[in-house]
């Protein structure tokens, strides 16, 4: 399912216009991005669905698979999603 299909389904379920659903979707994503991109990131959790967090990955040495040459991979922060109990149950069915 892509964004367009998601918006259509939510619009049908809520009886909201597709335009309004898209505005809410985009605003929600901006709130999540903003919370995770702060210098001291906030955790964003939805009970039953899951939690978005930021993890720090250390710098490391990697290898170019094509040439075998060693390369340095810099440290970085990356988003992580941990599914909630209800979402896990729904998927397992």
PDB file of N, CA and C in Angstrom:
ATOM      1  N   UNK A   1       0.859  -1.178   0.000  1.00  0.00           N
ATOM      2  CA  UNK A   1       0.000   0.000   0.000  1.00  0.00           C
ATOM      3  C   UNK A   1       0.900   1.234   0.000  1.00  0.00           C
ATOM      4  N   UNK A   2       0.601   2.170  -0.876  1.00  0.00           N
ATOM      5  CA  UNK A   2       1.369   3.411  -0.903  1.00  0.00           C
ATOM      6  C   UNK A   2       0.567   4.528  -0.222  1.00  0.00           C
ATOM      7  N   UNK A   3       1.144   5.722  -0.198  1.00  0.00           N
ATOM      8  CA  UNK A   3       0.520   6.852   0.492  1.00  0.00           C
ATOM      9  C   UNK A   3      -0.866   7.169  -0.083  1.00  0.00           C
ATOM     10  N   UNK A   4      -0.973   7.154  -1.404  1.00  0.00           N
ATOM     11  CA  UNK A   4      -2.241   7.486  -2.060  1.00  0.00           C
ATOM     12  C   UNK A   4      -3.343   6.497  -1.663  1.00  0.00           C
ATOM     13  N   UNK A   5      -3.006   5.209  -1.671  1.00  0.00           N
ATOM     14  CA  UNK A   5      -3.975   4.172  -1.291  1.00  0.00           C
ATOM     15  C   UNK A   5      -4.338   4.278   0.199  1.00  0.00           C
ATOM     16  N   UNK A   6      -3.354   4.581   1.023  1.00  0.00           N
ATOM     17  CA  UNK A   6      -3.589   4.745   2.453  1.00  0.00           C
ATOM     18  C   UNK A   6      -4.568   5.895   2.698  1.00  0.00           C
ATOM     19  N   UNK A   7      -4.313   7.025   2.059  1.00  0.00           N
ATOM     20  CA  UNK A   7      -5.179   8.198   2.222  1.00  0.00           C
ATOM     21  C   UNK A   7      -6.598   7.884   1.764  1.00  0.00           C
ATOM     22  N   UNK A   8      -6.738   7.161   0.664  1.00  0.00           N
ATOM     23  CA  UNK A   8      -8.062   6.797   0.153  1.00  0.00           C
ATOM     24  C   UNK A   8      -8.814   5.940   1.175  1.00  0.00           C
ATOM     25  N   UNK A   9      -8.147   4.939   1.759  1.00  0.00           N
ATOM     26  CA  UNK A   9      -8.797   4.057   2.735  1.00  0.00           C
ATOM     27  C   UNK A   9      -9.203   4.811   3.996  1.00  0.00           C
ATOM     28  N   UNK A  10      -8.304   5.670   4.491  1.00  0.00           N
ATOM     29  CA  UNK A  10      -8.617   6.451   5.692  1.00  0.00           C
ATOM     30  C   UNK A  10      -9.772   7.397   5.402  1.00  0.00           C
ATOM     31  N   UNK A  11      -9.787   7.974   4.223  1.00  0.00           N
ATOM     32  CA  UNK A  11     -10.868   8.868   3.819  1.00  0.00           C
ATOM     33  C   UNK A  11     -12.212   8.134   3.822  1.00  0.00           C
ATOM     34  N   UNK A  12     -12.219   6.914   3.313  1.00  0.00           N
ATOM     35  CA  UNK A  12     -13.453   6.119   3.289  1.00  0.00           C
ATOM     36  C   UNK A  12     -13.909   5.765   4.707  1.00  0.00           C
ATOM     37  N   UNK A  13     -12.963   5.422   5.571  1.00  0.00           N
ATOM     38  CA  UNK A  13     -13.313   5.031   6.943  1.00  0.00           C
ATOM     39  C   UNK A  13     -13.799   6.198   7.796  1.00  0.00           C
ATOM     40  N   UNK A  14     -13.215   7.373   7.582  1.00  0.00           N
ATOM     41  CA  UNK A  14     -13.536   8.522   8.430  1.00  0.00           C
ATOM     42  C   UNK A  14     -14.561   9.472   7.815  1.00  0.00           C
ATOM     43  N   UNK A  15     -14.869   9.286   6.555  1.00  0.00           N
ATOM     44  CA  UNK A  15     -15.770  10.183   5.813  1.00  0.00           C
ATOM     45  C   UNK A  15     -15.190  11.588   5.692  1.00  0.00           C
ATOM     46  N   UNK A  16     -13.851  11.695   5.838  1.00  0.00           N
ATOM     47  CA  UNK A  16     -13.167  12.971   5.618  1.00  0.00           C
ATOM     48  C   UNK A  16     -12.757  13.032   4.151  1.00  0.00           C
ATOM     49  N   UNK A  17     -12.510  14.244   3.666  1.00  0.00           N
ATOM     50  CA  UNK A  17     -12.049  14.363   2.284  1.00  0.00           C
ATOM     51  C   UNK A  17     -10.609  13.866   2.202  1.00  0.00           C
ATOM     52  N   UNK A  18     -10.230  13.429   1.006  1.00  0.00           N
ATOM     53  CA  UNK A  18      -8.861  12.958   0.802  1.00  0.00           C
ATOM     54  C   UNK A  18      -7.862  14.077   1.089  1.00  0.00           C
ATOM     55  N   UNK A  19      -8.237  15.292   0.728  1.00  0.00           N
ATOM     56  CA  UNK A  19      -7.368  16.447   0.942  1.00  0.00           C
ATOM     57  C   UNK A  19      -7.114  16.659   2.435  1.00  0.00           C
ATOM     58  N   UNK A  20      -8.177  16.561   3.246  1.00  0.00           N
ATOM     59  CA  UNK A  20      -8.036  16.734   4.694  1.00  0.00           C
ATOM     60  C   UNK A  20      -7.220  15.603   5.314  1.00  0.00           C
ATOM     61  N   UNK A  21      -7.442  14.384   4.862  1.00  0.00           N
ATOM     62  CA  UNK A  21      -6.683  13.238   5.372  1.00  0.00           C
ATOM     63  C   UNK A  21      -5.202  13.413   5.041  1.00  0.00           C
ATOM     64  N   UNK A  22      -4.909  13.884   3.831  1.00  0.00           N
ATOM     65  CA  UNK A  22      -3.522  14.092   3.438  1.00  0.00           C
ATOM     66  C   UNK A  22      -2.865  15.169   4.303  1.00  0.00           C
ATOM     67  N   UNK A  23      -3.603  16.235   4.620  1.00  0.00           N
ATOM     68  CA  UNK A  23      -3.066  17.290   5.491  1.00  0.00           C
ATOM     69  C   UNK A  23      -2.725  16.723   6.870  1.00  0.00           C
ATOM     70  N   UNK A  24      -3.621  15.907   7.416  1.00  0.00           N
ATOM     71  CA  UNK A  24      -3.398  15.307   8.729  1.00  0.00           C
ATOM     72  C   UNK A  24      -2.202  14.355   8.666  1.00  0.00           C
ATOM     73  N   UNK A  25      -2.132  13.539   7.618  1.00  0.00           N
ATOM     74  CA  UNK A  25      -1.024  12.593   7.446  1.00  0.00           C
ATOM     75  C   UNK A  25       0.314  13.339   7.394  1.00  0.00           C
ATOM     76  N   UNK A  26       0.376  14.375   6.550  1.00  0.00           N
ATOM     77  CA  UNK A  26       1.615  15.146   6.400  1.00  0.00           C
ATOM     78  C   UNK A  26       2.000  15.840   7.704  1.00  0.00           C
ATOM     79  N   UNK A  27       1.027  16.377   8.420  1.00  0.00           N
ATOM     80  CA  UNK A  27       1.301  17.041   9.693  1.00  0.00           C
ATOM     81  C   UNK A  27       1.822  16.026  10.720  1.00  0.00           C
ATOM     82  N   UNK A  28       1.216  14.851  10.740  1.00  0.00           N
ATOM     83  CA  UNK A  28       1.660  13.804  11.658  1.00  0.00           C
ATOM     84  C   UNK A  28       3.093  13.388  11.386  1.00  0.00           C
ATOM     85  N   UNK A  29       3.438  13.228  10.121  1.00  0.00           N
ATOM     86  CA  UNK A  29       4.813  12.871   9.762  1.00  0.00           C
ATOM     87  C   UNK A  29       5.788  13.968  10.158  1.00  0.00           C
ATOM     88  N   UNK A  30       5.394  15.216   9.982  1.00  0.00           N
ATOM     89  CA  UNK A  30       6.260  16.337  10.366  1.00  0.00           C
ATOM     90  C   UNK A  30       6.507  16.348  11.872  1.00  0.00           C
ATOM     91  N   UNK A  31       5.471  16.053  12.660  1.00  0.00           N
ATOM     92  CA  UNK A  31       5.623  16.007  14.115  1.00  0.00           C
ATOM     93  C   UNK A  31       6.610  14.901  14.504  1.00  0.00           C
ATOM     94  N   UNK A  32       6.483  13.735  13.885  1.00  0.00           N
ATOM     95  CA  UNK A  32       7.387  12.619  14.180  1.00  0.00           C
ATOM     96  C   UNK A  32       8.815  12.975  13.765  1.00  0.00           C
ATOM     97  N   UNK A  33       8.985  13.504  12.545  1.00  0.00           N
ATOM     98  CA  UNK A  33      10.317  13.890  12.066  1.00  0.00           C
ATOM     99  C   UNK A  33      10.954  14.925  12.986  1.00  0.00           C
ATOM    100  N   UNK A  34      10.171  15.912  13.384  1.00  0.00           N
ATOM    101  CA  UNK A  34      10.674  16.972  14.252  1.00  0.00           C
ATOM    102  C   UNK A  34      11.135  16.413  15.595  1.00  0.00           C
ATOM    103  N   UNK A  35      10.342  15.519  16.171  1.00  0.00           N
ATOM    104  CA  UNK A  35      10.687  14.936  17.474  1.00  0.00           C
ATOM    105  C   UNK A  35      11.961  14.101  17.383  1.00  0.00           C
ATOM    106  N   UNK A  36      12.137  13.367  16.289  1.00  0.00           N
ATOM    107  CA  UNK A  36      13.295  12.495  16.146  1.00  0.00           C
ATOM    108  C   UNK A  36      14.559  13.236  15.705  1.00  0.00           C
ATOM    109  N   UNK A  37      14.403  14.396  15.084  1.00  0.00           N
ATOM    110  CA  UNK A  37      15.568  15.098  14.544  1.00  0.00           C
ATOM    111  C   UNK A  37      16.173  16.118  15.501  1.00  0.00           C
ATOM    112  N   UNK A  38      15.612  16.277  16.691  1.00  0.00           N
ATOM    113  CA  UNK A  38      16.167  17.211  17.675  1.00  0.00           C
ATOM    114  C   UNK A  38      17.537  16.725  18.129  1.00  0.00           C
ATOM    115  N   UNK A  39      18.332  17.649  18.682  1.00  0.00           N
ATOM    116  CA  UNK A  39      19.654  17.252  19.175  1.00  0.00           C
ATOM    117  C   UNK A  39      19.507  16.251  20.328  1.00  0.00           C
ATOM    118  N   UNK A  40      18.445  16.361  21.094  1.00  0.00           N
ATOM    119  CA  UNK A  40      18.089  15.361  22.109  1.00  0.00           C
ATOM    120  C   UNK A  40      16.739  14.788  21.681  1.00  0.00           C
ATOM    121  N   UNK A  41      16.760  13.772  20.814  1.00  0.00           N
ATOM    122  CA  UNK A  41      15.513  13.267  20.215  1.00  0.00           C
ATOM    123  C   UNK A  41      14.506  12.751  21.243  1.00  0.00           C
ATOM    124  N   UNK A  42      13.248  12.996  20.932  1.00  0.00           N
ATOM    125  CA  UNK A  42      12.155  12.484  21.748  1.00  0.00           C
ATOM    126  C   UNK A  42      11.708  11.143  21.176  1.00  0.00           C
ATOM    127  N   UNK A  43      11.240  10.283  22.054  1.00  0.00           N
ATOM    128  CA  UNK A  43      10.656   9.015  21.630  1.00  0.00           C
ATOM    129  C   UNK A  43       9.200   9.297  21.260  1.00  0.00           C
ATOM    130  N   UNK A  44       8.726   8.714  20.175  1.00  0.00           N
ATOM    131  CA  UNK A  44       7.337   8.898  19.756  1.00  0.00           C
ATOM    132  C   UNK A  44       6.664   7.535  19.811  1.00  0.00           C
ATOM    133  N   UNK A  45       5.710   7.379  20.736  1.00  0.00           N
ATOM    134  CA  UNK A  45       5.080   6.078  20.911  1.00  0.00           C
ATOM    135  C   UNK A  45       3.572   6.126  20.775  1.00  0.00           C
ATOM    136  N   UNK A  46       3.034   5.085  20.192  1.00  0.00           N
ATOM    137  CA  UNK A  46       1.590   4.924  20.043  1.00  0.00           C
ATOM    138  C   UNK A  46       1.236   3.576  20.664  1.00  0.00           C
ATOM    139  N   UNK A  47       0.553   3.600  21.795  1.00  0.00           N
ATOM    140  CA  UNK A  47       0.236   2.371  22.521  1.00  0.00           C
ATOM    141  C   UNK A  47      -0.464   1.383  21.604  1.00  0.00           C
ATOM    142  N   UNK A  48       0.057   0.166  21.580  1.00  0.00           N
ATOM    143  CA  UNK A  48      -0.511  -0.884  20.748  1.00  0.00           C
ATOM    144  C   UNK A  48       0.066  -0.932  19.343  1.00  0.00           C
ATOM    145  N   UNK A  49       0.532   0.217  18.842  1.00  0.00           N
ATOM    146  CA  UNK A  49       1.080   0.258  17.489  1.00  0.00           C
ATOM    147  C   UNK A  49       2.592   0.097  17.512  1.00  0.00           C
ATOM    148  N   UNK A  50       3.277   0.988  18.224  1.00  0.00           N
ATOM    149  CA  UNK A  50       4.727   0.886  18.293  1.00  0.00           C
ATOM    150  C   UNK A  50       5.381   2.190  18.683  1.00  0.00           C
ATOM    151  N   UNK A  51       6.718   2.175  18.707  1.00  0.00           N
ATOM    152  CA  UNK A  51       7.489   3.320  19.156  1.00  0.00           C
ATOM    153  C   UNK A  51       8.606   3.638  18.167  1.00  0.00           C
ATOM    154  N   UNK A  52       8.743   4.920  17.857  1.00  0.00           N
ATOM    155  CA  UNK A  52       9.831   5.418  17.027  1.00  0.00           C
ATOM    156  C   UNK A  52      10.894   6.002  17.946  1.00  0.00           C
ATOM    157  N   UNK A  53      12.147   5.606  17.750  1.00  0.00           N
ATOM    158  CA  UNK A  53      13.262   6.130  18.530  1.00  0.00           C
ATOM    159  C   UNK A  53      14.427   6.416  17.594  1.00  0.00           C
ATOM    160  N   UNK A  54      15.472   7.007  18.162  1.00  0.00           N
ATOM    161  CA  UNK A  54      16.700   7.259  17.412  1.00  0.00           C
ATOM    162  C   UNK A  54      17.811   6.465  18.083  1.00  0.00           C
ATOM    163  N   UNK A  55      18.586   5.743  17.291  1.00  0.00           N
ATOM    164  CA  UNK A  55      19.732   5.000  17.813  1.00  0.00           C
ATOM    165  C   UNK A  55      21.010   5.579  17.209  1.00  0.00           C
ATOM    166  N   UNK A  56      22.072   5.542  18.008  1.00  0.00           N
ATOM    167  CA  UNK A  56      23.369   6.023  17.534  1.00  0.00           C
ATOM    168  C   UNK A  56      24.187   4.829  17.081  1.00  0.00           C
ATOM    169  N   UNK A  57      24.718   4.927  15.887  1.00  0.00           N
ATOM    170  CA  UNK A  57      25.579   3.867  15.353  1.00  0.00           C
ATOM    171  C   UNK A  57      27.008   4.386  15.365  1.00  0.00           C
ATOM    172  N   UNK A  58      27.924   3.584  15.889  1.00  0.00           N
ATOM    173  CA  UNK A  58      29.323   3.982  15.982  1.00  0.00           C
ATOM    174  C   UNK A  58      29.993   3.948  14.613  1.00  0.00           C
ATOM    175  N   UNK A  59      31.074   4.719  14.501  1.00  0.00           N
ATOM    176  CA  UNK A  59      31.883   4.672  13.276  1.00  0.00           C
ATOM    177  C   UNK A  59      32.524   3.288  13.205  1.00  0.00           C
ATOM    178  N   UNK A  60      32.696   2.802  11.986  1.00  0.00           N
ATOM    179  CA  UNK A  60      33.277   1.475  11.835  1.00  0.00           C
ATOM    180  C   UNK A  60      33.984   1.370  10.489  1.00  0.00           C
ATOM    181  N   UNK A  61      34.702   0.300  10.346  1.00  0.00           N
ATOM    182  CA  UNK A  61      35.390   0.040   9.084  1.00  0.00           C
ATOM    183  C   UNK A  61      34.582  -1.001   8.319  1.00  0.00           C
ATOM    184  N   UNK A  62      34.313  -0.703   7.069  1.00  0.00           N
ATOM    185  CA  UNK A  62      33.571  -1.625   6.213  1.00  0.00           C
ATOM    186  C   UNK A  62      34.447  -2.062   5.054  1.00  0.00           C
ATOM    187  N   UNK A  63      33.837  -2.784   4.139  1.00  0.00           N
ATOM    188  CA  UNK A  63      34.575  -3.273   2.984  1.00  0.00           C
ATOM    189  C   UNK A  63      33.704  -3.118   1.749  1.00  0.00           C
ATOM    190  N   UNK A  64      34.281  -2.564   0.713  1.00  0.00           N
ATOM    191  CA  UNK A  64      33.595  -2.439  -0.568  1.00  0.00           C
ATOM    192  C   UNK A  64      33.512  -3.841  -1.163  1.00  0.00           C
ATOM    193  N   UNK A  65      32.302  -4.396  -1.348  1.00  0.00           N
ATOM    194  CA  UNK A  65      32.184  -5.764  -1.835  1.00  0.00           C
ATOM    195  C   UNK A  65      32.716  -5.970  -3.260  1.00  0.00           C
ATOM    196  N   UNK A  66      32.727  -4.916  -4.039  1.00  0.00           N
ATOM    197  CA  UNK A  66      33.181  -5.023  -5.422  1.00  0.00           C
ATOM    198  C   UNK A  66      34.706  -5.109  -5.518  1.00  0.00           C
ATOM    199  N   UNK A  67      35.381  -4.225  -4.745  1.00  0.00           N
ATOM    200  CA  UNK A  67      36.838  -4.148  -4.855  1.00  0.00           C
ATOM    201  C   UNK A  67      37.565  -4.776  -3.668  1.00  0.00           C
ATOM    202  N   UNK A  68      36.855  -4.989  -2.572  1.00  0.00           N
ATOM    203  CA  UNK A  68      37.491  -5.537  -1.372  1.00  0.00           C
ATOM    204  C   UNK A  68      38.223  -4.475  -0.569  1.00  0.00           C
ATOM    205  N   UNK A  69      38.209  -3.231  -1.057  1.00  0.00           N
ATOM    206  CA  UNK A  69      38.889  -2.124  -0.397  1.00  0.00           C
ATOM    207  C   UNK A  69      38.206  -1.777   0.929  1.00  0.00           C
ATOM    208  N   UNK A  70      39.010  -1.492   1.974  1.00  0.00           N
ATOM    209  CA  UNK A  70      38.452  -1.090   3.260  1.00  0.00           C
ATOM    210  C   UNK A  70      38.011   0.362   3.177  1.00  0.00           C
ATOM    211  N   UNK A  71      36.848   0.643   3.771  1.00  0.00           N
ATOM    212  CA  UNK A  71      36.336   2.013   3.793  1.00  0.00           C
ATOM    213  C   UNK A  71      35.894   2.355   5.206  1.00  0.00           C
ATOM    214  N   UNK A  72      35.961   3.649   5.529  1.00  0.00           N
ATOM    215  CA  UNK A  72      35.507   4.106   6.844  1.00  0.00           C
ATOM    216  C   UNK A  72      34.048   4.506   6.730  1.00  0.00           C
ATOM    217  N   UNK A  73      33.237   3.979   7.629  1.00  0.00           N
ATOM    218  CA  UNK A  73      31.819   4.337   7.684  1.00  0.00           C
ATOM    219  C   UNK A  73      31.657   5.236   8.905  1.00  0.00           C
ATOM    220  N   UNK A  74      31.231   6.492   8.715  1.00  0.00           N
ATOM    221  CA  UNK A  74      31.148   7.429   9.840  1.00  0.00           C
ATOM    222  C   UNK A  74      30.010   7.081  10.814  1.00  0.00           C
ATOM    223  N   UNK A  75      30.136   7.600  12.031  1.00  0.00           N
ATOM    224  CA  UNK A  75      29.078   7.438  13.025  1.00  0.00           C
ATOM    225  C   UNK A  75      27.843   8.194  12.534  1.00  0.00           C
ATOM    226  N   UNK A  76      26.675   7.689  12.923  1.00  0.00           N
ATOM    227  CA  UNK A  76      25.447   8.381  12.513  1.00  0.00           C
ATOM    228  C   UNK A  76      24.306   8.042  13.458  1.00  0.00           C
ATOM    229  N   UNK A  77      23.264   8.839  13.372  1.00  0.00           N
ATOM    230  CA  UNK A  77      22.019   8.569  14.096  1.00  0.00           C
ATOM    231  C   UNK A  77      21.018   8.074  13.068  1.00  0.00           C
ATOM    232  N   UNK A  78      20.227   7.087  13.454  1.00  0.00           N
ATOM    233  CA  UNK A  78      19.254   6.533  12.518  1.00  0.00           C
ATOM    234  C   UNK A  78      17.951   6.225  13.242  1.00  0.00           C
ATOM    235  N   UNK A  79      16.805   6.377  12.572  1.00  0.00           N
ATOM    236  CA  UNK A  79      15.528   6.072  13.220  1.00  0.00           C
ATOM    237  C   UNK A  79      15.320   4.561  13.351  1.00  0.00           C
ATOM    238  N   UNK A  80      14.576   4.198  14.387  1.00  0.00           N
ATOM    239  CA  UNK A  80      14.268   2.791  14.635  1.00  0.00           C
ATOM    240  C   UNK A  80      12.802   2.701  15.027  1.00  0.00           C
ATOM    241  N   UNK A  81      12.138   1.645  14.594  1.00  0.00           N
ATOM    242  CA  UNK A  81      10.739   1.416  14.959  1.00  0.00           C
ATOM    243  C   UNK A  81      10.630   0.077  15.666  1.00  0.00           C
ATOM    244  N   UNK A  82       9.983   0.088  16.827  1.00  0.00           N
ATOM    245  CA  UNK A  82       9.742  -1.151  17.566  1.00  0.00           C
ATOM    246  C   UNK A  82       8.229  -1.359  17.604  1.00  0.00           C
ATOM    247  N   UNK A  83       7.727  -2.416  16.964  1.00  0.00           N
ATOM    248  CA  UNK A  83       6.281  -2.644  16.928  1.00  0.00           C
ATOM    249  C   UNK A  83       5.726  -2.961  18.310  1.00  0.00           C
ATOM    250  N   UNK A  84       4.480  -2.523  18.541  1.00  0.00           N
ATOM    251  CA  UNK A  84       3.794  -2.786  19.799  1.00  0.00           C
ATOM    252  C   UNK A  84       3.154  -4.167  19.814  1.00  0.00           C
ATOM    253  N   UNK A  85       2.685  -4.553  20.980  1.00  0.00           N
ATOM    254  CA  UNK A  85       2.111  -5.883  21.183  1.00  0.00           C
ATOM    255  C   UNK A  85       0.906  -6.144  20.275  1.00  0.00           C
ATOM    256  N   UNK A  86      -0.003  -5.178  20.175  1.00  0.00           N
ATOM    257  CA  UNK A  86      -1.214  -5.371  19.356  1.00  0.00           C
ATOM    258  C   UNK A  86      -0.875  -5.508  17.863  1.00  0.00           C
ATOM    259  N   UNK A  87       0.092  -4.717  17.398  1.00  0.00           N
ATOM    260  CA  UNK A  87       0.504  -4.798  15.999  1.00  0.00           C
ATOM    261  C   UNK A  87       1.139  -6.151  15.720  1.00  0.00           C
ATOM    262  N   UNK A  88       1.956  -6.632  16.647  1.00  0.00           N
ATOM    263  CA  UNK A  88       2.572  -7.953  16.486  1.00  0.00           C
ATOM    264  C   UNK A  88       1.502  -9.044  16.410  1.00  0.00           C
ATOM    265  N   UNK A  89       0.477  -8.956  17.269  1.00  0.00           N
ATOM    266  CA  UNK A  89      -0.600  -9.936  17.275  1.00  0.00           C
ATOM    267  C   UNK A  89      -1.359  -9.928  15.940  1.00  0.00           C
ATOM    268  N   UNK A  90      -1.659  -8.720  15.461  1.00  0.00           N
ATOM    269  CA  UNK A  90      -2.419  -8.577  14.215  1.00  0.00           C
ATOM    270  C   UNK A  90      -1.654  -9.174  13.029  1.00  0.00           C
ATOM    271  N   UNK A  91      -0.364  -8.983  12.998  1.00  0.00           N
ATOM    272  CA  UNK A  91       0.463  -9.488  11.901  1.00  0.00           C
ATOM    273  C   UNK A  91       0.596 -11.007  11.985  1.00  0.00           C
ATOM    274  N   UNK A  92       0.656 -11.540  13.200  1.00  0.00           N
ATOM    275  CA  UNK A  92       0.850 -12.972  13.406  1.00  0.00           C
ATOM    276  C   UNK A  92      -0.374 -13.798  13.017  1.00  0.00           C
ATOM    277  N   UNK A  93      -1.539 -13.197  12.951  1.00  0.00           N
ATOM    278  CA  UNK A  93      -2.772 -13.931  12.619  1.00  0.00           C
ATOM    279  C   UNK A  93      -2.752 -14.455  11.228  1.00  0.00           C
TER     280      UNK A  93
END
